[in-house]
Amino acid sequence: MLAEFGSVVDAVRCAVETQQAMAERNTGVAEDTRIELRIGMNLGDVIVEGDDLYGDGVNIAARIEALADPGGVFVSGTVYDHVRDRLPFVFDDLGEQQVKNIARPVRVYRVLREAPLANPPPQAREGSARNALVEALEPPALPLPDKPSIAVLPFANMSGDPEQEYFVDGMVEEIITALSRIRWLFVIARNSTFTYKGQAVDVKQVGRELGVRYVLEGSVRKAGQRVRITGQLIDAATGAHLWADRFDGSLEDIFELQDKVASSVAGVIEPALQAAEVRRSSDRSSQNLTAYDLYLRALPMLLSFSRDGILAALRLLEQAISRDPSYGPALGQAANCYMRLCMDGWTDDPRSDLRKGVDFARRALERAGEDADTNAIAATVLGYFGEDIGTMAGLADRAVSFNPSSARGWYLSGVLSLWAGQPDAAIERVVKSLRLSPRARVGTQHNVIGYAHLFQRRFEDAAAALLLAIQEHRANPQSYRALAACYAHMGRLDDARQVLEQLKALNSPILPEVERYHRLADREVLLSGLRMAMGEVR
């Protein structure tokens, strides 16, 4: 074991020495001829096949390498545990990082430099004094706002054509505008972020100077009439990459392309930001949680599609509301919980839950302002509980006018269109939601698409969508009901009865209430299919 530990120590020491040698080699060298390495290290089991190595040990090392700074050495927690007291280096704890294709978060450390000597020579002491003076003169870091905060840095023009600067800058302005429509997000204005234009900046420095938790940076490359726009979202506190993507398009209509990319970026960043905020909140102590923290902790439970999950989310949301009675997002989601309990037959007192749901939804509308998601959620709950469906659909359409990049707003607009008897319009709106948030979980969207096809008697298309919905959310009883009805109408009664058996295991009634569907033909196709499927299953 000592020999094994020694090999890890030697490997880390060798990595640091290699990076130091590369830094010396790059001194005075033109930027385009420099060589900079990223080194990621992990300790774990590997599978050897010839010259190839496989296994989580190798995968984690590769993911840590991707997180590393150019010229940096990053190591996993397992490496740190073996070498921390045996090397004269400082290890900067970057916390747990969620990395691709690895189930559990990985703790990552940055190897910074050799630790200071106990009695440094006079020159070193003088240098330290100068550094302390510089640090004292630097402005203090701005405090973070009480909601997620982001700065969009000027994108790099990779086209080699100075004439394209106007297009690149316009692209960034459009993205800032699109993100500003997300009301739960604090977005730094253009006139602050553009002070970094043309500079090589450290995102951690940007985070401190602008007082933001997240930074979006990117580049634009033009070739002929085609353009490629890339972006990456970075946690300014740790330097960890949370999201990256690219968008390709034609320059035939520059302004349309700018608008399309800006909406797409805003749509895909929103769930990435929310997921990062949920993880951050879950790491906090359960004492002295704010209304915002309680709200964040409730969000994953809303995806459980179980009675216990909805009730647990509701308890957290009601705690959040007791701390901040005017917190619109918590009011809206609390209303949503009561709707879900009634919709899936999980309520012990339907009339009381209806009253509570309507009360929360109306309070949410009063406080929503131009928050697209809260407006759309409240409109959906009120539409379910009997308010005029046309008016509620109009409220949802108004919500997405506040923020055209709101994937949830478009999805709920589709839900209300489905209930109003407009299945094809529902599909159109839900597909828009999927385009805006292609990496989010898509079970609920495919559930609505499945119902829309069922109501139009396109049973093959409905079954395909509903199977996708069940694959994504196996505990959602609504998808099983619609799929059983589809199979029955298709003459696949054995399959329909098997689906009903799965539905029974969810402790949800087979025949749902259908009053929310305002077109009688829609109610009939669902109920008649379920009755055919039931047979002896009652």
Protein backbone atom coordinates (compact mmCIF):
# COMPACT_ATOMS: atom_id res chain seq x y z
CA MET A 1 0.00 0.00 0.00
CA LEU A 2 2.87 2.40 0.76
CA ALA A 3 4.28 1.80 -2.69
CA GLU A 4 0.90 2.53 -4.20
CA PHE A 5 0.61 5.77 -2.21
CA GLY A 6 4.12 6.73 -3.28
CA SER A 7 3.22 6.33 -6.93
CA VAL A 8 0.30 8.73 -6.54
CA VAL A 9 2.53 11.27 -4.80
CA ASP A 10 5.09 10.98 -7.58
CA ALA A 11 2.39 11.36 -10.23
CA VAL A 12 1.04 14.58 -8.71
CA ARG A 13 4.54 15.99 -8.23
CA CYS A 14 5.40 15.11 -11.85
CA ALA A 15 2.20 16.76 -13.11
CA VAL A 16 2.95 20.02 -11.27
CA GLU A 17 6.57 20.01 -12.46
CA THR A 18 5.40 19.42 -16.03
CA GLN A 19 3.05 22.40 -15.88
CA GLN A 20 5.79 24.57 -14.37
CA ALA A 21 8.15 23.56 -17.19
CA MET A 22 5.48 24.34 -19.78
CA ALA A 23 4.89 27.76 -18.19
CA GLU A 24 8.61 28.52 -18.40
CA ARG A 25 8.68 27.33 -22.00
CA ASN A 26 5.75 29.64 -22.87
CA THR A 27 7.38 32.71 -21.31
CA GLY A 28 8.03 35.25 -24.05
CA VAL A 29 6.48 33.00 -26.71
CA ALA A 30 3.82 34.38 -29.08
CA GLU A 31 0.32 33.50 -27.93
CA ASP A 32 -0.54 31.47 -31.05
CA THR A 33 2.50 29.20 -30.58
CA ARG A 34 2.10 28.50 -26.86
CA ILE A 35 1.32 24.98 -25.68
CA GLU A 36 -0.92 24.72 -22.62
CA LEU A 37 -1.92 21.44 -21.03
CA ARG A 38 -4.88 20.56 -18.85
CA ILE A 39 -4.14 17.74 -16.41
CA GLY A 40 -6.84 15.80 -14.57
CA MET A 41 -5.98 13.00 -12.15
CA ASN A 42 -8.03 10.31 -10.44
CA LEU A 43 -7.32 7.14 -8.50
CA GLY A 44 -9.55 4.15 -9.22
CA ASP A 45 -9.95 0.76 -10.82
CA VAL A 46 -9.55 0.43 -14.60
CA ILE A 47 -10.27 -2.24 -17.18
CA VAL A 48 -7.37 -3.02 -19.52
CA GLU A 49 -7.94 -4.38 -23.03
CA GLY A 50 -4.74 -4.30 -25.06
CA ASP A 51 -3.66 -0.68 -25.25
CA ASP A 52 -7.09 0.62 -24.16
CA LEU A 53 -8.24 1.55 -20.65
CA TYR A 54 -11.88 1.65 -19.55
CA GLY A 55 -13.94 2.13 -16.42
CA ASP A 56 -15.22 4.89 -14.13
CA GLY A 57 -11.67 5.54 -12.89
CA VAL A 58 -10.63 6.59 -16.38
CA ASN A 59 -13.91 8.42 -17.10
CA ILE A 60 -13.64 10.52 -13.93
CA ALA A 61 -10.06 11.49 -14.79
CA ALA A 62 -11.21 12.60 -18.26
CA ARG A 63 -14.06 14.67 -16.80
CA ILE A 64 -11.70 16.33 -14.29
CA GLU A 65 -9.32 17.13 -17.13
CA ALA A 66 -12.15 18.91 -18.94
CA LEU A 67 -12.77 21.04 -15.83
CA ALA A 68 -9.10 21.98 -15.46
CA ASP A 69 -7.76 25.43 -16.33
CA PRO A 70 -5.18 25.66 -19.15
CA GLY A 71 -1.85 25.04 -17.43
CA GLY A 72 -3.61 23.65 -14.37
CA VAL A 73 -3.60 20.38 -12.44
CA PHE A 74 -6.95 19.21 -11.03
CA VAL A 75 -7.27 16.07 -8.89
CA SER A 76 -10.16 14.04 -7.49
CA GLY A 77 -10.93 13.66 -3.81
CA THR A 78 -9.42 10.16 -3.81
CA VAL A 79 -6.08 11.53 -5.05
CA TYR A 80 -6.23 14.40 -2.55
CA ASP A 81 -6.83 12.00 0.36
CA HIS A 82 -3.64 10.13 -0.54
CA VAL A 83 -1.30 13.08 -1.06
CA ARG A 84 -2.60 16.03 0.99
CA ASP A 85 -0.08 15.64 3.84
CA ARG A 86 2.80 14.46 1.70
CA LEU A 87 3.36 17.27 -0.79
CA PRO A 88 4.22 20.98 -0.29
CA PHE A 89 1.31 22.13 -2.43
CA VAL A 90 -1.87 24.09 -1.69
CA PHE A 91 -5.07 22.29 -2.70
CA ASP A 92 -8.05 24.51 -3.51
CA ASP A 93 -11.29 22.63 -2.73
CA LEU A 94 -13.70 23.27 -5.64
CA GLY A 95 -16.47 21.24 -4.04
CA GLU A 96 -18.52 18.44 -5.56
CA GLN A 97 -18.94 18.62 -9.34
CA GLN A 98 -21.65 16.82 -11.31
CA VAL A 99 -19.88 15.39 -14.36
CA LYS A 100 -21.23 13.69 -17.48
CA ASN A 101 -22.00 9.94 -17.33
CA ILE A 102 -20.94 9.63 -13.67
CA ALA A 103 -23.84 8.93 -11.30
CA ARG A 104 -22.44 10.60 -8.18
CA PRO A 105 -20.84 14.03 -7.84
CA VAL A 106 -17.02 14.08 -7.78
CA ARG A 107 -15.10 16.26 -5.34
CA VAL A 108 -12.40 18.17 -7.20
CA TYR A 109 -9.29 20.04 -6.01
CA ARG A 110 -7.06 22.49 -7.88
CA VAL A 111 -3.34 22.12 -7.16
CA LEU A 112 -2.20 25.71 -6.80
CA ARG A 113 1.42 26.10 -5.84
CA GLU A 114 4.03 25.19 -3.23
CA ALA A 115 3.10 26.20 0.29
CA PRO A 116 5.02 29.20 1.73
CA LEU A 117 8.17 28.49 3.72
CA ALA A 118 8.13 28.96 7.49
CA ASN A 119 10.94 31.56 7.29
CA PRO A 120 10.93 33.05 3.80
CA PRO A 121 13.93 35.05 2.60
CA PRO A 122 13.69 38.88 2.70
CA GLN A 123 12.85 39.13 -1.01
CA ALA A 124 9.91 36.76 -0.55
CA ARG A 125 8.67 38.72 2.45
CA GLU A 126 8.84 41.96 0.44
CA GLY A 127 6.95 40.33 -2.42
CA SER A 128 4.29 39.12 -0.01
CA ALA A 129 3.98 42.63 1.41
CA ARG A 130 3.53 44.06 -2.09
CA ASN A 131 0.88 41.42 -2.88
CA ALA A 132 -0.94 42.23 0.34
CA LEU A 133 -0.89 45.92 -0.61
CA VAL A 134 -2.29 45.17 -4.06
CA GLU A 135 -5.04 43.02 -2.54
CA ALA A 136 -5.86 45.78 -0.06
CA LEU A 137 -6.23 48.28 -2.92
CA GLU A 138 -8.51 45.99 -4.95
CA PRO A 139 -12.22 46.75 -4.61
CA PRO A 140 -14.08 44.25 -2.39
CA ALA A 141 -16.21 41.60 -4.05
CA LEU A 142 -19.78 42.71 -4.60
CA PRO A 143 -22.38 40.77 -2.57
CA LEU A 144 -24.50 38.32 -4.54
CA PRO A 145 -28.16 39.24 -5.12
CA ASP A 146 -30.89 37.23 -3.42
CA LYS A 147 -31.68 35.39 -6.67
CA PRO A 148 -29.58 33.67 -9.38
CA SER A 149 -27.34 36.20 -11.10
CA ILE A 150 -25.59 36.09 -14.48
CA ALA A 151 -23.31 38.23 -16.60
CA VAL A 152 -23.05 37.74 -20.37
CA LEU A 153 -19.54 38.63 -21.49
CA PRO A 154 -18.82 40.00 -25.00
CA PHE A 155 -18.49 37.07 -27.38
CA ALA A 156 -15.22 36.56 -29.24
CA ASN A 157 -15.29 37.28 -32.97
CA MET A 158 -13.56 34.23 -34.47
CA SER A 159 -14.28 35.22 -38.07
CA GLY A 160 -11.10 37.22 -38.62
CA ASP A 161 -13.31 39.96 -40.05
CA PRO A 162 -13.53 43.19 -37.98
CA GLU A 163 -16.66 44.09 -39.95
CA GLN A 164 -18.49 41.30 -38.12
CA GLU A 165 -18.02 42.94 -34.71
CA TYR A 166 -21.41 44.65 -35.02
CA PHE A 167 -23.09 41.29 -35.55
CA VAL A 168 -21.28 39.67 -32.61
CA ASP A 169 -22.11 42.55 -30.27
CA GLY A 170 -25.72 42.55 -31.45
CA MET A 171 -25.92 38.83 -30.73
CA VAL A 172 -24.82 39.37 -27.13
CA GLU A 173 -27.31 42.24 -26.67
CA GLU A 174 -30.13 39.99 -27.88
CA ILE A 175 -29.10 37.25 -25.43
CA ILE A 176 -28.97 39.74 -22.54
CA THR A 177 -32.45 40.99 -23.48
CA ALA A 178 -33.84 37.44 -23.70
CA LEU A 179 -32.36 36.47 -20.31
CA SER A 180 -33.71 39.67 -18.76
CA ARG A 181 -37.23 38.43 -19.47
CA ILE A 182 -36.66 35.57 -17.00
CA ARG A 183 -37.97 37.37 -13.93
CA TRP A 184 -36.35 35.10 -11.33
CA LEU A 185 -32.93 35.86 -12.83
CA PHE A 186 -30.70 38.87 -12.04
CA VAL A 187 -28.97 39.90 -15.30
CA ILE A 188 -26.09 42.39 -15.47
CA ALA A 189 -26.63 45.17 -18.02
CA ARG A 190 -24.64 45.42 -21.26
CA ASN A 191 -22.81 48.61 -20.30
CA SER A 192 -21.13 46.76 -17.42
CA THR A 193 -20.23 43.52 -19.17
CA PHE A 194 -18.88 45.23 -22.29
CA THR A 195 -16.13 46.87 -20.23
CA TYR A 196 -14.42 43.45 -20.54
CA LYS A 197 -14.49 43.51 -24.36
CA GLY A 198 -11.16 42.58 -25.91
CA GLN A 199 -9.70 41.41 -22.59
CA ALA A 200 -8.62 37.94 -21.47
CA VAL A 201 -10.59 37.68 -18.23
CA ASP A 202 -10.85 35.25 -15.35
CA VAL A 203 -14.51 34.34 -14.77
CA LYS A 204 -13.89 34.26 -11.02
CA GLN A 205 -12.69 37.85 -11.19
CA VAL A 206 -15.77 38.78 -13.23
CA GLY A 207 -17.97 37.14 -10.62
CA ARG A 208 -16.33 39.13 -7.83
CA GLU A 209 -16.34 42.45 -9.68
CA LEU A 210 -19.91 42.24 -10.96
CA GLY A 211 -21.39 40.35 -8.02
CA VAL A 212 -22.76 37.39 -10.03
CA ARG A 213 -22.77 33.64 -9.51
CA TYR A 214 -22.81 32.66 -13.20
CA VAL A 215 -21.02 33.87 -16.32
CA LEU A 216 -21.94 33.16 -19.94
CA GLU A 217 -19.19 33.46 -22.52
CA GLY A 218 -18.95 32.40 -26.14
CA SER A 219 -17.74 33.02 -29.65
CA VAL A 220 -19.05 33.64 -33.16
CA ARG A 221 -17.43 32.23 -36.29
CA LYS A 222 -18.58 33.21 -39.79
CA ALA A 223 -17.77 31.25 -42.94
CA GLY A 224 -19.41 32.49 -46.15
CA GLN A 225 -23.12 32.83 -45.45
CA ARG A 226 -23.04 30.41 -42.51
CA VAL A 227 -22.39 31.31 -38.90
CA ARG A 228 -21.68 29.18 -35.83
CA ILE A 229 -22.34 30.58 -32.35
CA THR A 230 -21.01 28.75 -29.28
CA GLY A 231 -21.71 29.44 -25.64
CA GLN A 232 -20.75 28.06 -22.26
CA LEU A 233 -22.19 28.71 -18.83
CA ILE A 234 -19.70 28.80 -15.95
CA ASP A 235 -20.10 28.87 -12.18
CA ALA A 236 -18.04 31.95 -11.28
CA ALA A 237 -17.38 30.70 -7.75
CA THR A 238 -15.75 27.41 -8.78
CA GLY A 239 -14.96 27.80 -12.48
CA ALA A 240 -17.00 24.65 -13.19
CA HIS A 241 -18.72 24.38 -16.59
CA LEU A 242 -22.47 23.88 -16.22
CA TRP A 243 -23.59 23.91 -19.85
CA ALA A 244 -22.18 24.31 -23.35
CA ASP A 245 -23.77 24.22 -26.79
CA ARG A 246 -23.50 25.59 -30.31
CA PHE A 247 -25.98 27.04 -32.78
CA ASP A 248 -25.62 27.08 -36.56
CA GLY A 249 -27.51 29.26 -39.01
CA SER A 250 -27.54 31.31 -42.17
CA LEU A 251 -26.70 35.01 -42.44
CA GLU A 252 -29.41 35.59 -45.02
CA ASP A 253 -31.49 37.24 -42.31
CA ILE A 254 -29.10 38.38 -39.58
CA PHE A 255 -31.73 39.78 -37.24
CA GLU A 256 -33.93 36.69 -37.41
CA LEU A 257 -30.87 34.56 -36.64
CA GLN A 258 -29.96 36.76 -33.67
CA ASP A 259 -33.47 36.46 -32.27
CA LYS A 260 -33.55 32.69 -32.80
CA VAL A 261 -30.22 32.10 -31.09
CA ALA A 262 -31.02 34.45 -28.21
CA SER A 263 -34.31 32.64 -27.52
CA SER A 264 -32.63 29.26 -27.78
CA VAL A 265 -29.79 30.22 -25.44
CA ALA A 266 -32.21 31.63 -22.87
CA GLY A 267 -34.41 28.54 -23.13
CA VAL A 268 -31.63 26.01 -22.61
CA ILE A 269 -29.80 28.02 -19.94
CA GLU A 270 -32.86 28.42 -17.71
CA PRO A 271 -33.13 24.72 -16.69
CA ALA A 272 -29.34 24.49 -16.34
CA LEU A 273 -29.35 27.46 -13.98
CA GLN A 274 -32.30 26.14 -12.02
CA ALA A 275 -30.66 22.73 -11.63
CA ALA A 276 -27.46 24.39 -10.38
CA GLU A 277 -29.45 26.46 -7.89
CA VAL A 278 -31.31 23.36 -6.64
CA ARG A 279 -27.98 21.58 -6.04
CA ARG A 280 -26.59 24.62 -4.26
CA SER A 281 -29.62 24.89 -1.98
CA SER A 282 -29.58 21.16 -1.15
CA ASP A 283 -26.02 21.55 0.16
CA ARG A 284 -27.07 24.19 2.68
CA SER A 285 -27.93 23.47 6.30
CA SER A 286 -31.64 22.96 6.92
CA GLN A 287 -31.56 25.74 9.50
CA ASN A 288 -32.39 29.33 8.56
CA LEU A 289 -33.50 28.50 5.03
CA THR A 290 -34.96 31.37 3.06
CA ALA A 291 -38.24 31.21 1.16
CA TYR A 292 -36.19 30.88 -2.02
CA ASP A 293 -34.24 27.88 -0.64
CA LEU A 294 -37.44 26.15 0.43
CA TYR A 295 -38.92 26.75 -3.02
CA LEU A 296 -35.84 25.28 -4.71
CA ARG A 297 -35.97 22.18 -2.51
CA ALA A 298 -39.58 21.60 -3.47
CA LEU A 299 -38.95 21.62 -7.23
CA PRO A 300 -37.39 18.12 -7.59
CA MET A 301 -40.24 16.64 -5.54
CA LEU A 302 -42.77 18.03 -8.01
CA LEU A 303 -41.22 15.71 -10.63
CA SER A 304 -41.86 12.60 -8.53
CA PHE A 305 -45.42 12.10 -9.84
CA SER A 306 -46.34 10.45 -6.56
CA ARG A 307 -48.74 11.47 -3.83
CA ASP A 308 -45.98 11.49 -1.21
CA GLY A 309 -43.74 13.61 -3.44
CA ILE A 310 -46.46 16.19 -4.09
CA LEU A 311 -47.35 16.40 -0.41
CA ALA A 312 -43.68 16.81 0.57
CA ALA A 313 -43.30 19.60 -2.01
CA LEU A 314 -46.45 21.26 -0.72
CA ARG A 315 -45.13 21.29 2.86
CA LEU A 316 -41.94 23.04 1.74
CA LEU A 317 -43.85 25.53 -0.41
CA GLU A 318 -46.24 26.41 2.39
CA GLN A 319 -43.22 27.01 4.67
CA ALA A 320 -41.78 29.31 1.99
CA ILE A 321 -45.09 31.20 1.75
CA SER A 322 -45.27 31.58 5.55
CA ARG A 323 -41.85 33.27 5.42
CA ASP A 324 -42.70 35.40 2.38
CA PRO A 325 -46.47 35.64 1.73
CA SER A 326 -45.87 37.59 -1.50
CA TYR A 327 -43.47 35.06 -3.09
CA GLY A 328 -45.21 34.49 -6.44
CA PRO A 329 -43.34 31.36 -7.67
CA ALA A 330 -44.02 29.51 -4.38
CA LEU A 331 -47.70 30.54 -4.47
CA GLY A 332 -48.01 29.29 -8.04
CA GLN A 333 -46.39 25.93 -7.36
CA ALA A 334 -48.45 25.43 -4.20
CA ALA A 335 -51.57 25.93 -6.32
CA ASN A 336 -50.12 23.44 -8.80
CA CYS A 337 -49.71 20.86 -6.01
CA TYR A 338 -53.39 21.09 -5.09
CA MET A 339 -54.34 20.72 -8.75
CA ARG A 340 -52.15 17.63 -9.09
CA LEU A 341 -53.67 16.02 -5.99
CA CYS A 342 -57.16 16.52 -7.38
CA MET A 343 -56.23 15.56 -10.95
CA ASP A 344 -54.73 12.21 -9.97
CA GLY A 345 -57.35 11.25 -7.39
CA TRP A 346 -55.01 11.66 -4.41
CA THR A 347 -57.10 14.08 -2.37
CA ASP A 348 -59.07 13.16 0.76
CA ASP A 349 -61.07 16.40 0.63
CA PRO A 350 -61.60 17.57 -2.99
CA ARG A 351 -63.66 20.64 -2.10
CA SER A 352 -61.16 21.91 0.45
CA ASP A 353 -58.21 21.30 -1.88
CA LEU A 354 -60.05 23.06 -4.70
CA ARG A 355 -60.57 26.14 -2.51
CA LYS A 356 -56.92 26.16 -1.42
CA GLY A 357 -55.68 25.69 -4.98
CA VAL A 358 -57.82 28.54 -6.31
CA ASP A 359 -56.77 30.83 -3.44
CA PHE A 360 -53.06 30.19 -4.02
CA ALA A 361 -53.46 30.63 -7.79
CA ARG A 362 -55.26 33.96 -7.44
CA ARG A 363 -52.65 35.22 -4.98
CA ALA A 364 -49.94 34.10 -7.40
CA LEU A 365 -51.54 36.05 -10.25
CA GLU A 366 -51.72 39.18 -8.08
CA ARG A 367 -47.98 38.99 -7.41
CA ALA A 368 -46.72 37.56 -10.70
CA GLY A 369 -46.12 40.83 -12.52
CA GLU A 370 -44.43 39.84 -15.80
CA ASP A 371 -43.11 36.51 -14.49
CA ALA A 372 -44.12 34.26 -17.39
CA ASP A 373 -43.94 30.95 -15.52
CA THR A 374 -45.96 32.07 -12.51
CA ASN A 375 -48.65 33.62 -14.72
CA ALA A 376 -48.91 30.45 -16.81
CA ILE A 377 -49.02 28.12 -13.78
CA ALA A 378 -51.73 30.17 -12.08
CA ALA A 379 -53.79 30.33 -15.29
CA THR A 380 -53.54 26.55 -15.69
CA VAL A 381 -54.67 25.86 -12.13
CA LEU A 382 -57.62 28.25 -12.43
CA GLY A 383 -58.53 26.72 -15.80
CA TYR A 384 -58.51 23.25 -14.23
CA PHE A 385 -60.65 24.35 -11.28
CA GLY A 386 -63.38 25.79 -13.49
CA GLU A 387 -62.51 29.37 -14.45
CA ASP A 388 -63.39 30.31 -18.04
CA ILE A 389 -61.00 28.24 -20.17
CA GLY A 390 -60.79 30.80 -22.97
CA THR A 391 -59.80 33.53 -20.53
CA MET A 392 -57.18 31.30 -18.90
CA ALA A 393 -55.74 30.32 -22.29
CA GLY A 394 -55.50 34.03 -23.07
CA LEU A 395 -53.60 34.58 -19.81
CA ALA A 396 -51.14 31.84 -20.77
CA ASP A 397 -50.61 33.43 -24.19
CA ARG A 398 -50.04 36.76 -22.45
CA ALA A 399 -47.49 35.07 -20.19
CA VAL A 400 -45.33 33.92 -23.09
CA SER A 401 -45.51 37.40 -24.57
CA PHE A 402 -43.67 38.53 -21.41
CA ASN A 403 -40.96 35.93 -22.05
CA PRO A 404 -41.04 34.18 -25.45
CA SER A 405 -38.17 31.98 -24.21
CA SER A 406 -40.24 30.44 -21.39
CA ALA A 407 -40.37 26.72 -22.13
CA ARG A 408 -42.75 26.17 -19.22
CA GLY A 409 -45.00 28.98 -20.42
CA TRP A 410 -45.33 27.45 -23.88
CA TYR A 411 -45.93 24.00 -22.40
CA LEU A 412 -48.74 25.23 -20.13
CA SER A 413 -50.23 27.20 -23.00
CA GLY A 414 -50.36 23.86 -24.80
CA VAL A 415 -52.05 22.20 -21.82
CA LEU A 416 -54.78 24.86 -21.78
CA SER A 417 -55.23 24.54 -25.55
CA LEU A 418 -55.71 20.78 -25.07
CA TRP A 419 -58.34 21.34 -22.39
CA ALA A 420 -60.07 23.97 -24.54
CA GLY A 421 -60.58 21.44 -27.35
CA GLN A 422 -57.74 22.58 -29.64
CA PRO A 423 -55.45 19.51 -29.77
CA ASP A 424 -53.44 20.55 -32.83
CA ALA A 425 -52.75 23.97 -31.31
CA ALA A 426 -51.67 22.13 -28.15
CA ILE A 427 -49.14 20.09 -30.13
CA GLU A 428 -47.77 23.22 -31.80
CA ARG A 429 -47.21 24.97 -28.46
CA VAL A 430 -45.68 21.95 -26.75
CA VAL A 431 -43.28 21.38 -29.66
CA LYS A 432 -42.22 25.02 -29.22
CA SER A 433 -41.53 24.23 -25.56
CA LEU A 434 -39.40 21.24 -26.55
CA ARG A 435 -37.36 23.36 -28.94
CA LEU A 436 -36.65 25.89 -26.22
CA SER A 437 -35.62 23.32 -23.62
CA PRO A 438 -34.33 20.25 -25.49
CA ARG A 439 -32.26 18.96 -22.56
CA ALA A 440 -34.95 19.11 -19.90
CA ARG A 441 -37.02 16.06 -18.99
CA VAL A 442 -39.71 15.73 -21.65
CA GLY A 443 -42.18 13.22 -20.24
CA THR A 444 -44.91 15.76 -19.47
CA GLN A 445 -44.61 17.31 -22.93
CA HIS A 446 -44.99 13.95 -24.66
CA ASN A 447 -47.94 13.19 -22.38
CA VAL A 448 -49.79 16.27 -23.73
CA ILE A 449 -48.82 15.39 -27.31
CA GLY A 450 -50.12 11.85 -26.75
CA TYR A 451 -53.47 13.11 -25.46
CA ALA A 452 -53.76 15.53 -28.39
CA HIS A 453 -53.24 12.71 -30.91
CA LEU A 454 -55.69 10.51 -28.98
CA PHE A 455 -58.36 13.22 -29.12
CA GLN A 456 -57.80 13.48 -32.90
CA ARG A 457 -58.04 9.65 -33.10
CA ARG A 458 -54.48 9.31 -34.37
CA PHE A 459 -53.96 6.29 -32.14
CA GLU A 460 -50.59 5.12 -33.50
CA ASP A 461 -49.06 8.57 -33.02
CA ALA A 462 -50.67 8.86 -29.59
CA ALA A 463 -49.28 5.52 -28.40
CA ALA A 464 -45.76 6.40 -29.58
CA ALA A 465 -45.80 9.70 -27.68
CA LEU A 466 -47.30 8.16 -24.55
CA LEU A 467 -44.72 5.38 -24.44
CA LEU A 468 -42.02 8.08 -24.48
CA ALA A 469 -43.85 9.89 -21.68
CA ILE A 470 -43.99 6.74 -19.54
CA GLN A 471 -40.35 5.98 -20.22
CA GLU A 472 -39.47 9.41 -18.84
CA HIS A 473 -41.99 9.52 -15.97
CA ARG A 474 -43.02 6.02 -14.93
CA ALA A 475 -45.16 7.24 -12.05
CA ASN A 476 -47.47 9.59 -13.99
CA PRO A 477 -50.93 7.94 -14.00
CA GLN A 478 -52.28 10.20 -16.76
CA SER A 479 -50.01 8.64 -19.39
CA TYR A 480 -51.12 5.10 -18.49
CA ARG A 481 -54.80 6.02 -18.81
CA ALA A 482 -54.37 7.52 -22.27
CA LEU A 483 -52.17 4.64 -23.46
CA ALA A 484 -54.69 2.04 -22.28
CA ALA A 485 -57.45 3.92 -24.14
CA CYS A 486 -55.28 4.04 -27.29
CA TYR A 487 -54.57 0.31 -27.20
CA ALA A 488 -58.25 -0.46 -26.70
CA HIS A 489 -59.28 1.65 -29.72
CA MET A 490 -56.55 -0.09 -31.74
CA GLY A 491 -57.98 -3.51 -30.80
CA ARG A 492 -54.96 -4.38 -28.60
CA LEU A 493 -57.06 -5.29 -25.57
CA ASP A 494 -54.45 -7.51 -23.91
CA ASP A 495 -51.93 -4.68 -24.06
CA ALA A 496 -54.55 -2.25 -22.76
CA ARG A 497 -55.33 -4.45 -19.76
CA GLN A 498 -51.64 -4.86 -18.98
CA VAL A 499 -51.28 -1.07 -18.92
CA LEU A 500 -54.25 -0.83 -16.54
CA GLU A 501 -52.55 -3.26 -14.17
CA GLN A 502 -49.56 -0.90 -14.11
CA LEU A 503 -51.93 2.00 -13.45
CA LYS A 504 -53.52 0.17 -10.51
CA ALA A 505 -50.08 -0.21 -8.92
CA LEU A 506 -49.87 3.61 -8.76
CA ASN A 507 -52.97 3.73 -6.50
CA SER A 508 -54.72 6.10 -8.85
CA PRO A 509 -58.29 5.58 -10.14
CA ILE A 510 -58.72 4.14 -13.63
CA LEU A 511 -61.54 6.42 -14.73
CA PRO A 512 -60.46 10.06 -14.28
CA GLU A 513 -62.58 13.14 -13.91
CA VAL A 514 -62.83 14.64 -17.39
CA GLU A 515 -64.52 18.00 -16.78
CA ARG A 516 -61.33 19.84 -17.70
CA TYR A 517 -61.73 18.64 -21.30
CA HIS A 518 -64.28 21.07 -22.71
CA ARG A 519 -64.93 19.20 -25.97
CA LEU A 520 -67.39 16.32 -25.43
CA ALA A 521 -65.79 14.23 -28.17
CA ASP A 522 -62.47 14.36 -26.30
CA ARG A 523 -64.05 13.08 -23.11
CA GLU A 524 -65.80 10.30 -24.98
CA VAL A 525 -62.75 8.94 -26.80
CA LEU A 526 -60.82 8.72 -23.52
CA LEU A 527 -63.61 7.21 -21.42
CA SER A 528 -64.85 4.77 -24.06
CA GLY A 529 -61.31 3.51 -24.60
CA LEU A 530 -60.81 3.00 -20.87
CA ARG A 531 -64.13 1.19 -20.50
CA MET A 532 -63.19 -1.15 -23.35
CA ALA A 533 -59.83 -1.74 -21.70
CA MET A 534 -61.28 -2.40 -18.26
CA GLY A 535 -63.18 -5.57 -19.12
CA GLU A 536 -62.94 -7.55 -15.91
CA VAL A 537 -60.48 -5.07 -14.35
CA ARG A 538 -62.57 -2.87 -12.08
